[in-house]
């Protein structure tokens, strides 16, 4: 499976946290996530969380005065990060962190969709066999949801940017679930 077959797939997650050691211990105890070190040329090594399919996430320290609580952010595969950023802005999104390189790994940027939700777009340095890290085993990420007040404002954005298709909404908890 080449890169083109994986466009729009989730491939990585970063935990933006104010307490990396506490988060590491919590997730290790809860899900038995293993911690390993990944060498990034020219930078400090990165701590990687691993489960059944291998490494899938990393903790990223944020300052205590960061205006938002600790949170997860996902990475979605695109063919070209710069083109995805341009397209996202044309579709009503906003590039909040411009394209940057993760040495020997690939390129990424942070985009906010039209309703304000943030995610990374990512293009790997090398065309890999399988970048999709959604799993179905114990401790693996198996589902992604976007909780917004008005999902219909975000659906066209994701359809155009990633080619995602949405089924008809189903009633759930007094609203509609796509």
C-alpha atoms as a PDB file:
ATOM      1  CA  UNK A   1       0.000   0.000   0.000  1.00  0.00           C
ATOM      2  CA  UNK A   2       1.531   3.296  -1.081  1.00  0.00           C
ATOM      3  CA  UNK A   3       1.099   6.847   0.151  1.00  0.00           C
ATOM      4  CA  UNK A   4      -1.712   7.644  -2.309  1.00  0.00           C
ATOM      5  CA  UNK A   5      -3.782   4.781  -0.879  1.00  0.00           C
ATOM      6  CA  UNK A   6      -3.436   6.212   2.630  1.00  0.00           C
ATOM      7  CA  UNK A   7      -4.446   9.847   2.058  1.00  0.00           C
ATOM      8  CA  UNK A   8      -6.937  10.854   4.749  1.00  0.00           C
ATOM      9  CA  UNK A   9      -5.864   8.116   7.191  1.00  0.00           C
ATOM     10  CA  UNK A  10      -4.926   8.844  10.785  1.00  0.00           C
ATOM     11  CA  UNK A  11      -1.268   8.005  11.306  1.00  0.00           C
ATOM     12  CA  UNK A  12      -0.099   9.554  14.582  1.00  0.00           C
ATOM     13  CA  UNK A  13      -1.193  11.339  17.746  1.00  0.00           C
ATOM     14  CA  UNK A  14       0.597  13.781  20.032  1.00  0.00           C
ATOM     15  CA  UNK A  15      -0.370  14.278  23.644  1.00  0.00           C
ATOM     16  CA  UNK A  16       0.133  17.953  24.403  1.00  0.00           C
ATOM     17  CA  UNK A  17       0.620  17.775  28.187  1.00  0.00           C
ATOM     18  CA  UNK A  18       1.692  19.945  31.071  1.00  0.00           C
ATOM     19  CA  UNK A  19       3.120  16.926  32.937  1.00  0.00           C
ATOM     20  CA  UNK A  20       4.896  14.399  30.694  1.00  0.00           C
ATOM     21  CA  UNK A  21       6.111  12.035  33.470  1.00  0.00           C
ATOM     22  CA  UNK A  22       2.637  11.865  35.018  1.00  0.00           C
ATOM     23  CA  UNK A  23       1.027  11.259  31.601  1.00  0.00           C
ATOM     24  CA  UNK A  24       3.580   8.569  30.750  1.00  0.00           C
ATOM     25  CA  UNK A  25       2.892   6.733  34.004  1.00  0.00           C
ATOM     26  CA  UNK A  26      -0.893   7.104  33.619  1.00  0.00           C
ATOM     27  CA  UNK A  27      -1.038   5.652  30.096  1.00  0.00           C
ATOM     28  CA  UNK A  28       1.469   2.920  30.879  1.00  0.00           C
ATOM     29  CA  UNK A  29      -0.627   1.823  33.865  1.00  0.00           C
ATOM     30  CA  UNK A  30      -3.989   2.187  32.094  1.00  0.00           C
ATOM     31  CA  UNK A  31      -3.201   0.698  28.679  1.00  0.00           C
ATOM     32  CA  UNK A  32       0.218  -0.935  29.179  1.00  0.00           C
ATOM     33  CA  UNK A  33       1.659   1.416  26.575  1.00  0.00           C
ATOM     34  CA  UNK A  34       5.361   0.878  26.260  1.00  0.00           C
ATOM     35  CA  UNK A  35       7.747   3.821  26.154  1.00  0.00           C
ATOM     36  CA  UNK A  36      10.687   3.909  23.806  1.00  0.00           C
ATOM     37  CA  UNK A  37      13.098   6.508  22.528  1.00  0.00           C
ATOM     38  CA  UNK A  38      13.246   7.571  18.882  1.00  0.00           C
ATOM     39  CA  UNK A  39      16.346   9.296  17.592  1.00  0.00           C
ATOM     40  CA  UNK A  40      15.650  12.471  15.603  1.00  0.00           C
ATOM     41  CA  UNK A  41      18.808  13.792  13.917  1.00  0.00           C
ATOM     42  CA  UNK A  42      19.718  17.267  15.142  1.00  0.00           C
ATOM     43  CA  UNK A  43      17.147  17.199  17.979  1.00  0.00           C
ATOM     44  CA  UNK A  44      16.633  15.595  21.361  1.00  0.00           C
ATOM     45  CA  UNK A  45      15.349  12.045  21.247  1.00  0.00           C
ATOM     46  CA  UNK A  46      11.566  11.721  21.316  1.00  0.00           C
ATOM     47  CA  UNK A  47       9.632   9.493  23.680  1.00  0.00           C
ATOM     48  CA  UNK A  48       7.238   7.248  21.763  1.00  0.00           C
ATOM     49  CA  UNK A  49       4.169   5.416  23.009  1.00  0.00           C
ATOM     50  CA  UNK A  50       3.814   1.934  21.512  1.00  0.00           C
ATOM     51  CA  UNK A  51       1.075  -0.697  21.544  1.00  0.00           C
ATOM     52  CA  UNK A  52       0.294  -3.725  19.352  1.00  0.00           C
ATOM     53  CA  UNK A  53       0.846  -2.092  15.939  1.00  0.00           C
ATOM     54  CA  UNK A  54       4.000  -0.339  17.150  1.00  0.00           C
ATOM     55  CA  UNK A  55       4.765   3.317  17.863  1.00  0.00           C
ATOM     56  CA  UNK A  56       1.728   5.542  17.357  1.00  0.00           C
ATOM     57  CA  UNK A  57       2.029   8.620  19.595  1.00  0.00           C
ATOM     58  CA  UNK A  58       4.309  10.899  21.547  1.00  0.00           C
ATOM     59  CA  UNK A  59       3.988  13.226  24.541  1.00  0.00           C
ATOM     60  CA  UNK A  60       4.831  16.879  23.889  1.00  0.00           C
ATOM     61  CA  UNK A  61       5.434  19.162  26.868  1.00  0.00           C
ATOM     62  CA  UNK A  62       3.433  22.396  27.013  1.00  0.00           C
ATOM     63  CA  UNK A  63       3.927  25.224  29.487  1.00  0.00           C
ATOM     64  CA  UNK A  64       1.729  25.433  32.579  1.00  0.00           C
ATOM     65  CA  UNK A  65       0.462  28.842  31.432  1.00  0.00           C
ATOM     66  CA  UNK A  66      -0.647  27.438  28.041  1.00  0.00           C
ATOM     67  CA  UNK A  67      -4.258  28.663  27.745  1.00  0.00           C
ATOM     68  CA  UNK A  68      -5.750  25.207  27.103  1.00  0.00           C
ATOM     69  CA  UNK A  69      -5.672  21.995  29.121  1.00  0.00           C
ATOM     70  CA  UNK A  70      -3.610  18.995  28.120  1.00  0.00           C
ATOM     71  CA  UNK A  71      -5.104  17.425  24.996  1.00  0.00           C
ATOM     72  CA  UNK A  72      -4.537  14.993  22.141  1.00  0.00           C
ATOM     73  CA  UNK A  73      -3.998  16.104  18.538  1.00  0.00           C
ATOM     74  CA  UNK A  74      -4.161  13.746  15.560  1.00  0.00           C
ATOM     75  CA  UNK A  75      -2.083  13.587  12.369  1.00  0.00           C
ATOM     76  CA  UNK A  76      -3.767  12.868   9.036  1.00  0.00           C
ATOM     77  CA  UNK A  77      -1.863  11.760   5.924  1.00  0.00           C
ATOM     78  CA  UNK A  78      -1.769  14.059   2.898  1.00  0.00           C
ATOM     79  CA  UNK A  79       0.248  13.883  -0.317  1.00  0.00           C
ATOM     80  CA  UNK A  80       1.744  17.355   0.184  1.00  0.00           C
ATOM     81  CA  UNK A  81       1.537  19.394   3.398  1.00  0.00           C
ATOM     82  CA  UNK A  82       1.911  22.793   1.701  1.00  0.00           C
ATOM     83  CA  UNK A  83      -0.829  22.022  -0.811  1.00  0.00           C
ATOM     84  CA  UNK A  84      -3.102  20.715   1.953  1.00  0.00           C
ATOM     85  CA  UNK A  85      -2.564  23.946   3.923  1.00  0.00           C
ATOM     86  CA  UNK A  86      -3.465  26.048   0.894  1.00  0.00           C
ATOM     87  CA  UNK A  87      -6.558  23.950   0.196  1.00  0.00           C
ATOM     88  CA  UNK A  88      -7.620  24.055   3.855  1.00  0.00           C
ATOM     89  CA  UNK A  89      -7.534  27.854   3.833  1.00  0.00           C
ATOM     90  CA  UNK A  90      -9.529  27.957   0.587  1.00  0.00           C
ATOM     91  CA  UNK A  91     -12.118  25.746   2.314  1.00  0.00           C
ATOM     92  CA  UNK A  92     -12.441  28.062   5.326  1.00  0.00           C
ATOM     93  CA  UNK A  93      -9.829  26.518   7.608  1.00  0.00           C
ATOM     94  CA  UNK A  94      -6.793  28.252   9.083  1.00  0.00           C
ATOM     95  CA  UNK A  95      -3.145  27.212   9.230  1.00  0.00           C
ATOM     96  CA  UNK A  96      -2.189  27.833  12.856  1.00  0.00           C
ATOM     97  CA  UNK A  97       1.332  26.324  12.667  1.00  0.00           C
ATOM     98  CA  UNK A  98       2.994  26.545   9.221  1.00  0.00           C
ATOM     99  CA  UNK A  99       4.776  23.606   7.633  1.00  0.00           C
ATOM    100  CA  UNK A 100       7.811  22.335   9.485  1.00  0.00           C
ATOM    101  CA  UNK A 101      10.098  19.345   9.108  1.00  0.00           C
ATOM    102  CA  UNK A 102      10.461  16.479  11.534  1.00  0.00           C
ATOM    103  CA  UNK A 103      13.998  15.376  10.540  1.00  0.00           C
ATOM    104  CA  UNK A 104      14.129  11.930   8.905  1.00  0.00           C
ATOM    105  CA  UNK A 105      10.361  11.532   9.476  1.00  0.00           C
ATOM    106  CA  UNK A 106       8.434  13.968   7.269  1.00  0.00           C
ATOM    107  CA  UNK A 107       6.660  17.317   7.096  1.00  0.00           C
ATOM    108  CA  UNK A 108       3.670  18.512   9.090  1.00  0.00           C
ATOM    109  CA  UNK A 109       1.570  21.594   9.851  1.00  0.00           C
ATOM    110  CA  UNK A 110      -1.319  22.343  12.189  1.00  0.00           C
ATOM    111  CA  UNK A 111      -4.664  23.331  10.693  1.00  0.00           C
ATOM    112  CA  UNK A 112      -7.867  24.470  12.366  1.00  0.00           C
ATOM    113  CA  UNK A 113     -11.054  23.461  10.581  1.00  0.00           C
ATOM    114  CA  UNK A 114     -13.860  26.015  10.021  1.00  0.00           C
ATOM    115  CA  UNK A 115     -15.314  25.285  13.482  1.00  0.00           C
ATOM    116  CA  UNK A 116     -11.916  25.657  15.217  1.00  0.00           C
ATOM    117  CA  UNK A 117     -10.822  22.041  15.788  1.00  0.00           C
ATOM    118  CA  UNK A 118      -7.083  21.497  15.349  1.00  0.00           C
ATOM    119  CA  UNK A 119      -5.234  18.632  13.665  1.00  0.00           C
ATOM    120  CA  UNK A 120      -1.925  18.007  11.918  1.00  0.00           C
ATOM    121  CA  UNK A 121      -1.533  17.186   8.245  1.00  0.00           C
ATOM    122  CA  UNK A 122       1.472  14.972   7.618  1.00  0.00           C
ATOM    123  CA  UNK A 123       3.514  13.780   4.642  1.00  0.00           C
ATOM    124  CA  UNK A 124       6.144  11.141   5.420  1.00  0.00           C
ATOM    125  CA  UNK A 125       9.681  11.473   4.173  1.00  0.00           C
ATOM    126  CA  UNK A 126       9.456   8.000   2.652  1.00  0.00           C
ATOM    127  CA  UNK A 127       6.556   6.201   1.004  1.00  0.00           C
ATOM    128  CA  UNK A 128       5.797   3.561   3.637  1.00  0.00           C
ATOM    129  CA  UNK A 129       3.807   0.371   3.392  1.00  0.00           C
ATOM    130  CA  UNK A 130       1.294   1.108   6.150  1.00  0.00           C
ATOM    131  CA  UNK A 131       1.104   4.403   8.010  1.00  0.00           C
ATOM    132  CA  UNK A 132      -2.462   3.987   9.271  1.00  0.00           C
ATOM    133  CA  UNK A 133      -2.108   3.448  13.013  1.00  0.00           C
ATOM    134  CA  UNK A 134      -5.792   2.890  13.829  1.00  0.00           C
ATOM    135  CA  UNK A 135      -5.789  -0.513  15.491  1.00  0.00           C
ATOM    136  CA  UNK A 136      -8.185  -2.984  17.003  1.00  0.00           C
ATOM    137  CA  UNK A 137      -6.095  -4.587  19.710  1.00  0.00           C
ATOM    138  CA  UNK A 138      -5.839  -3.879  23.431  1.00  0.00           C
ATOM    139  CA  UNK A 139      -4.504  -0.394  24.136  1.00  0.00           C
ATOM    140  CA  UNK A 140      -4.629   0.709  20.487  1.00  0.00           C
ATOM    141  CA  UNK A 141      -6.419   3.794  19.184  1.00  0.00           C
ATOM    142  CA  UNK A 142      -9.500   2.407  17.462  1.00  0.00           C
ATOM    143  CA  UNK A 143     -11.931   5.295  16.917  1.00  0.00           C
ATOM    144  CA  UNK A 144     -11.803   9.036  16.300  1.00  0.00           C
ATOM    145  CA  UNK A 145     -14.606  11.486  16.973  1.00  0.00           C
ATOM    146  CA  UNK A 146     -14.933  15.209  16.491  1.00  0.00           C
ATOM    147  CA  UNK A 147     -17.286  16.824  19.001  1.00  0.00           C
ATOM    148  CA  UNK A 148     -18.637  20.125  17.677  1.00  0.00           C
ATOM    149  CA  UNK A 149     -21.810  22.155  18.111  1.00  0.00           C
ATOM    150  CA  UNK A 150     -22.628  22.069  14.389  1.00  0.00           C
ATOM    151  CA  UNK A 151     -21.041  19.150  12.512  1.00  0.00           C
ATOM    152  CA  UNK A 152     -22.666  20.188   9.220  1.00  0.00           C
ATOM    153  CA  UNK A 153     -20.289  23.177   9.139  1.00  0.00           C
ATOM    154  CA  UNK A 154     -17.272  20.825   9.192  1.00  0.00           C
ATOM    155  CA  UNK A 155     -18.445  17.978   6.915  1.00  0.00           C
ATOM    156  CA  UNK A 156     -17.779  19.682   3.532  1.00  0.00           C
ATOM    157  CA  UNK A 157     -14.332  20.777   4.732  1.00  0.00           C
ATOM    158  CA  UNK A 158     -13.237  17.224   5.556  1.00  0.00           C
ATOM    159  CA  UNK A 159     -14.870  15.770   2.447  1.00  0.00           C
ATOM    160  CA  UNK A 160     -12.986  18.166   0.189  1.00  0.00           C
ATOM    161  CA  UNK A 161      -9.671  18.086   2.043  1.00  0.00           C
ATOM    162  CA  UNK A 162      -9.383  14.334   2.645  1.00  0.00           C
ATOM    163  CA  UNK A 163     -12.023  12.750   0.425  1.00  0.00           C
ATOM    164  CA  UNK A 164     -13.925  11.511   3.470  1.00  0.00           C
ATOM    165  CA  UNK A 165     -17.502  10.393   2.919  1.00  0.00           C
ATOM    166  CA  UNK A 166     -20.176  10.643   5.582  1.00  0.00           C
ATOM    167  CA  UNK A 167     -23.202   8.433   6.046  1.00  0.00           C
ATOM    168  CA  UNK A 168     -26.638   9.828   6.747  1.00  0.00           C
ATOM    169  CA  UNK A 169     -26.892  11.154  10.302  1.00  0.00           C
ATOM    170  CA  UNK A 170     -28.388   8.981  13.007  1.00  0.00           C
ATOM    171  CA  UNK A 171     -30.158  10.344  16.071  1.00  0.00           C
ATOM    172  CA  UNK A 172     -28.070  10.218  19.244  1.00  0.00           C
ATOM    173  CA  UNK A 173     -28.412  11.973  22.605  1.00  0.00           C
ATOM    174  CA  UNK A 174     -30.812  14.602  21.261  1.00  0.00           C
ATOM    175  CA  UNK A 175     -28.640  15.421  18.246  1.00  0.00           C
ATOM    176  CA  UNK A 176     -27.338  13.855  15.077  1.00  0.00           C
ATOM    177  CA  UNK A 177     -24.264  11.621  14.823  1.00  0.00           C
ATOM    178  CA  UNK A 178     -22.384  11.333  11.529  1.00  0.00           C
END
